[in-house]
């Protein structure tokens, strides 16, 4: 499998000039576009788009395979980060 399809992209809740992104639940809202409600009425986030907290900062972790599975959603997520001037970083690589 090509390297670009097995890693992660992390959208951090910090702007490129260091300000904390608001509202505080932005990561849950953004990841919610790929979620579903289960039979017990619980919200389940996609394994490809997860809200997390890393080093005290709310983030959205996107599995890079989403680019192949649904290029429109992958582009939407990255466009959201660009339009809101959020930091985007490569996440960990699987298999390392």
N, C-alpha and C. Protein backbone atom coordinates (compact mmCIF):
# COMPACT_ATOMS: atom_id res chain seq x y z
N UNK A 1 0.85 -1.18 0.00
CA UNK A 1 0.00 0.00 0.00
C UNK A 1 0.89 1.24 0.00
N UNK A 2 0.60 2.23 -0.82
CA UNK A 2 1.44 3.44 -0.87
C UNK A 2 1.44 4.17 0.47
N UNK A 3 2.55 4.78 0.81
CA UNK A 3 2.72 5.48 2.08
C UNK A 3 1.66 6.55 2.31
N UNK A 4 1.28 7.31 1.26
CA UNK A 4 0.33 8.39 1.46
C UNK A 4 -1.07 7.88 1.85
N UNK A 5 -1.35 6.61 1.67
CA UNK A 5 -2.66 6.08 2.00
C UNK A 5 -2.70 5.38 3.36
N UNK A 6 -1.59 5.32 4.09
CA UNK A 6 -1.61 4.60 5.35
C UNK A 6 -1.31 5.48 6.56
N UNK A 7 -1.15 6.76 6.34
CA UNK A 7 -0.85 7.66 7.45
C UNK A 7 -2.06 8.43 7.91
N UNK A 8 -1.80 9.47 8.65
CA UNK A 8 -2.85 10.33 9.17
C UNK A 8 -2.53 11.78 8.87
N UNK A 9 -3.58 12.56 8.77
CA UNK A 9 -3.49 14.00 8.70
C UNK A 9 -4.18 14.52 9.95
N UNK A 10 -3.55 15.45 10.64
CA UNK A 10 -4.12 15.99 11.87
C UNK A 10 -4.42 17.47 11.68
N UNK A 11 -5.68 17.83 11.88
CA UNK A 11 -6.07 19.24 11.89
C UNK A 11 -6.08 19.65 13.36
N UNK A 12 -5.21 20.58 13.72
CA UNK A 12 -5.08 21.03 15.11
C UNK A 12 -5.94 22.25 15.36
N UNK A 13 -6.52 22.36 16.54
CA UNK A 13 -7.38 23.47 16.91
C UNK A 13 -6.61 24.71 17.31
N UNK A 14 -5.58 25.01 16.54
CA UNK A 14 -4.75 26.20 16.76
C UNK A 14 -4.53 26.85 15.40
N UNK A 15 -4.72 28.15 15.32
CA UNK A 15 -4.48 28.84 14.06
C UNK A 15 -2.97 28.96 13.84
N UNK A 16 -2.60 29.26 12.61
CA UNK A 16 -1.18 29.36 12.29
C UNK A 16 -0.48 30.49 13.04
N UNK A 17 -1.27 31.44 13.58
CA UNK A 17 -0.65 32.50 14.40
C UNK A 17 -0.77 32.20 15.90
N UNK A 18 -1.16 30.96 16.26
CA UNK A 18 -1.11 30.52 17.64
C UNK A 18 -2.37 30.70 18.47
N UNK A 19 -3.46 31.19 17.87
CA UNK A 19 -4.70 31.38 18.63
C UNK A 19 -5.49 30.07 18.71
N UNK A 20 -6.16 29.86 19.84
CA UNK A 20 -7.01 28.69 20.02
C UNK A 20 -8.26 28.85 19.17
N UNK A 21 -8.63 27.80 18.44
CA UNK A 21 -9.80 27.85 17.57
C UNK A 21 -11.07 27.65 18.39
N UNK A 22 -12.09 28.41 18.08
CA UNK A 22 -13.38 28.34 18.75
C UNK A 22 -14.46 27.99 17.75
N UNK A 23 -15.56 27.39 18.14
CA UNK A 23 -15.96 27.02 19.49
C UNK A 23 -15.20 25.79 19.98
N UNK A 24 -15.28 25.53 21.26
CA UNK A 24 -14.50 24.46 21.85
C UNK A 24 -14.89 23.08 21.34
N UNK A 25 -16.10 22.91 20.83
CA UNK A 25 -16.53 21.60 20.32
C UNK A 25 -16.39 21.48 18.81
N UNK A 26 -15.56 22.31 18.20
CA UNK A 26 -15.40 22.31 16.75
C UNK A 26 -14.99 20.94 16.22
N UNK A 27 -14.10 20.24 16.93
CA UNK A 27 -13.59 18.95 16.45
C UNK A 27 -14.71 17.91 16.39
N UNK A 28 -15.56 17.90 17.41
CA UNK A 28 -16.69 16.97 17.42
C UNK A 28 -17.67 17.29 16.29
N UNK A 29 -17.90 18.56 16.08
CA UNK A 29 -18.81 18.97 15.01
C UNK A 29 -18.27 18.58 13.64
N UNK A 30 -16.98 18.84 13.43
CA UNK A 30 -16.38 18.53 12.13
C UNK A 30 -16.35 17.03 11.89
N UNK A 31 -15.92 16.26 12.88
CA UNK A 31 -15.89 14.80 12.74
C UNK A 31 -17.30 14.24 12.62
N UNK A 32 -18.27 14.96 13.14
CA UNK A 32 -19.65 14.51 13.08
C UNK A 32 -20.20 14.37 11.67
N UNK A 33 -19.59 15.03 10.70
CA UNK A 33 -20.09 14.91 9.33
C UNK A 33 -19.90 13.51 8.78
N UNK A 34 -19.00 12.74 9.39
CA UNK A 34 -18.75 11.37 8.94
C UNK A 34 -19.25 10.35 9.96
N UNK A 35 -20.05 10.76 10.90
CA UNK A 35 -20.51 9.87 11.97
C UNK A 35 -21.88 9.28 11.62
N UNK A 36 -22.30 8.34 12.45
CA UNK A 36 -23.65 7.79 12.33
C UNK A 36 -24.18 7.49 13.72
N UNK A 37 -25.48 7.40 13.82
CA UNK A 37 -26.13 7.07 15.08
C UNK A 37 -26.46 5.58 15.05
N UNK A 38 -26.01 4.86 16.10
CA UNK A 38 -26.23 3.43 16.14
C UNK A 38 -27.65 3.10 16.62
N UNK A 39 -27.97 1.83 16.64
CA UNK A 39 -29.31 1.38 17.04
C UNK A 39 -29.65 1.77 18.48
N UNK A 40 -28.64 2.01 19.32
CA UNK A 40 -28.89 2.42 20.71
C UNK A 40 -28.81 3.94 20.89
N UNK A 41 -28.92 4.66 19.77
CA UNK A 41 -28.94 6.13 19.75
C UNK A 41 -27.65 6.77 20.21
N UNK A 42 -26.54 6.08 20.04
CA UNK A 42 -25.23 6.66 20.37
C UNK A 42 -24.55 7.11 19.08
N UNK A 43 -23.88 8.25 19.19
CA UNK A 43 -23.13 8.76 18.05
C UNK A 43 -21.83 7.99 17.92
N UNK A 44 -21.57 7.47 16.74
CA UNK A 44 -20.34 6.73 16.46
C UNK A 44 -19.56 7.46 15.38
N UNK A 45 -18.35 7.90 15.73
CA UNK A 45 -17.50 8.56 14.75
C UNK A 45 -16.90 7.54 13.81
N UNK A 46 -16.65 7.96 12.59
CA UNK A 46 -16.02 7.10 11.60
C UNK A 46 -14.60 6.77 12.05
N UNK A 47 -14.13 5.56 11.78
CA UNK A 47 -12.74 5.25 12.10
C UNK A 47 -11.75 6.07 11.26
N UNK A 48 -12.26 6.70 10.21
CA UNK A 48 -11.40 7.51 9.34
C UNK A 48 -11.36 8.98 9.71
N UNK A 49 -12.28 9.43 10.57
CA UNK A 49 -12.33 10.84 10.99
C UNK A 49 -12.69 10.87 12.47
N UNK A 50 -11.70 11.14 13.31
CA UNK A 50 -11.88 11.04 14.76
C UNK A 50 -11.52 12.36 15.45
N UNK A 51 -12.39 12.84 16.35
CA UNK A 51 -12.00 13.98 17.20
C UNK A 51 -11.14 13.44 18.35
N UNK A 52 -10.04 14.12 18.64
CA UNK A 52 -9.15 13.70 19.72
C UNK A 52 -8.58 14.94 20.40
N UNK A 53 -7.96 14.70 21.54
CA UNK A 53 -7.19 15.75 22.19
C UNK A 53 -5.75 15.29 22.22
N UNK A 54 -4.86 16.09 21.67
CA UNK A 54 -3.44 15.79 21.67
C UNK A 54 -2.70 16.96 22.28
N UNK A 55 -1.94 16.67 23.32
CA UNK A 55 -1.17 17.70 24.03
C UNK A 55 -2.07 18.85 24.46
N UNK A 56 -3.29 18.53 24.89
CA UNK A 56 -4.21 19.54 25.38
C UNK A 56 -4.92 20.35 24.31
N UNK A 57 -4.75 19.99 23.06
CA UNK A 57 -5.35 20.72 21.94
C UNK A 57 -6.36 19.81 21.24
N UNK A 58 -7.57 20.31 21.02
CA UNK A 58 -8.56 19.55 20.27
C UNK A 58 -8.11 19.45 18.82
N UNK A 59 -8.26 18.25 18.26
CA UNK A 59 -7.81 17.96 16.90
C UNK A 59 -8.82 17.05 16.21
N UNK A 60 -8.70 16.98 14.90
CA UNK A 60 -9.40 15.98 14.12
C UNK A 60 -8.33 15.19 13.39
N UNK A 61 -8.34 13.88 13.61
CA UNK A 61 -7.39 12.99 12.96
C UNK A 61 -8.10 12.33 11.79
N UNK A 62 -7.51 12.46 10.61
CA UNK A 62 -8.10 11.91 9.39
C UNK A 62 -7.17 10.83 8.87
N UNK A 63 -7.71 9.64 8.70
CA UNK A 63 -6.94 8.57 8.09
C UNK A 63 -6.78 8.93 6.61
N UNK A 64 -5.56 8.88 6.12
CA UNK A 64 -5.28 9.29 4.74
C UNK A 64 -6.00 8.44 3.71
N UNK A 65 -6.42 7.24 4.09
CA UNK A 65 -7.14 6.40 3.12
C UNK A 65 -8.48 7.02 2.72
N UNK A 66 -8.97 7.99 3.52
CA UNK A 66 -10.21 8.67 3.17
C UNK A 66 -10.09 9.37 1.82
N UNK A 67 -8.90 9.79 1.45
CA UNK A 67 -8.69 10.44 0.16
C UNK A 67 -9.09 9.51 -0.99
N UNK A 68 -8.87 8.21 -0.81
CA UNK A 68 -9.24 7.24 -1.84
C UNK A 68 -10.70 6.80 -1.69
N UNK A 69 -11.18 6.73 -0.45
CA UNK A 69 -12.55 6.27 -0.21
C UNK A 69 -13.60 7.32 -0.57
N UNK A 70 -13.34 8.57 -0.20
CA UNK A 70 -14.27 9.67 -0.50
C UNK A 70 -13.49 10.97 -0.62
N UNK A 71 -13.02 11.23 -1.81
CA UNK A 71 -12.16 12.39 -2.06
C UNK A 71 -12.86 13.71 -1.74
N UNK A 72 -14.18 13.77 -1.91
CA UNK A 72 -14.92 15.01 -1.64
C UNK A 72 -14.89 15.36 -0.16
N UNK A 73 -15.11 14.36 0.69
CA UNK A 73 -15.08 14.63 2.13
C UNK A 73 -13.67 14.97 2.57
N UNK A 74 -12.68 14.25 2.06
CA UNK A 74 -11.29 14.52 2.40
C UNK A 74 -10.94 15.97 2.03
N UNK A 75 -11.33 16.39 0.84
CA UNK A 75 -11.07 17.76 0.40
C UNK A 75 -11.83 18.76 1.27
N UNK A 76 -13.08 18.46 1.61
CA UNK A 76 -13.87 19.35 2.47
C UNK A 76 -13.16 19.58 3.80
N UNK A 77 -12.67 18.51 4.42
CA UNK A 77 -11.99 18.62 5.71
C UNK A 77 -10.74 19.49 5.61
N UNK A 78 -9.94 19.26 4.58
CA UNK A 78 -8.72 20.05 4.41
C UNK A 78 -9.04 21.50 4.03
N UNK A 79 -10.08 21.70 3.25
CA UNK A 79 -10.51 23.07 2.93
C UNK A 79 -10.98 23.80 4.18
N UNK A 80 -11.70 23.10 5.07
CA UNK A 80 -12.12 23.69 6.34
C UNK A 80 -10.91 24.20 7.12
N UNK A 81 -9.88 23.37 7.19
CA UNK A 81 -8.67 23.76 7.92
C UNK A 81 -8.02 24.98 7.26
N UNK A 82 -7.92 24.97 5.95
CA UNK A 82 -7.29 26.09 5.23
C UNK A 82 -8.09 27.37 5.40
N UNK A 83 -9.41 27.29 5.24
CA UNK A 83 -10.26 28.47 5.33
C UNK A 83 -10.26 29.08 6.74
N UNK A 84 -10.02 28.25 7.75
CA UNK A 84 -10.01 28.74 9.13
C UNK A 84 -8.59 28.93 9.66
N UNK A 85 -7.60 28.82 8.77
CA UNK A 85 -6.20 29.07 9.09
C UNK A 85 -5.71 28.16 10.23
N UNK A 86 -6.15 26.88 10.20
CA UNK A 86 -5.75 25.94 11.24
C UNK A 86 -4.48 25.20 10.84
N UNK A 87 -3.72 24.80 11.84
CA UNK A 87 -2.52 24.02 11.60
C UNK A 87 -2.90 22.63 11.11
N UNK A 88 -2.20 22.15 10.10
CA UNK A 88 -2.39 20.80 9.59
C UNK A 88 -1.03 20.13 9.62
N UNK A 89 -0.99 18.92 10.19
CA UNK A 89 0.28 18.22 10.32
C UNK A 89 0.10 16.76 9.92
N UNK A 90 1.20 16.15 9.50
CA UNK A 90 1.19 14.71 9.28
C UNK A 90 1.10 14.05 10.64
N UNK A 91 0.26 13.05 10.73
CA UNK A 91 0.15 12.29 11.97
C UNK A 91 1.11 11.13 11.94
N UNK A 92 0.88 10.21 12.87
CA UNK A 92 1.76 9.04 12.92
C UNK A 92 1.52 8.18 11.70
N UNK A 93 2.50 7.41 11.33
CA UNK A 93 2.40 6.47 10.23
C UNK A 93 2.15 5.09 10.79
N UNK A 94 1.23 4.38 10.21
CA UNK A 94 0.92 3.02 10.66
C UNK A 94 2.10 2.11 10.33
N UNK A 95 2.36 1.17 11.19
CA UNK A 95 3.44 0.23 10.94
C UNK A 95 4.79 0.71 11.43
N UNK A 96 4.83 1.88 12.06
CA UNK A 96 6.10 2.38 12.58
C UNK A 96 6.25 2.04 14.02
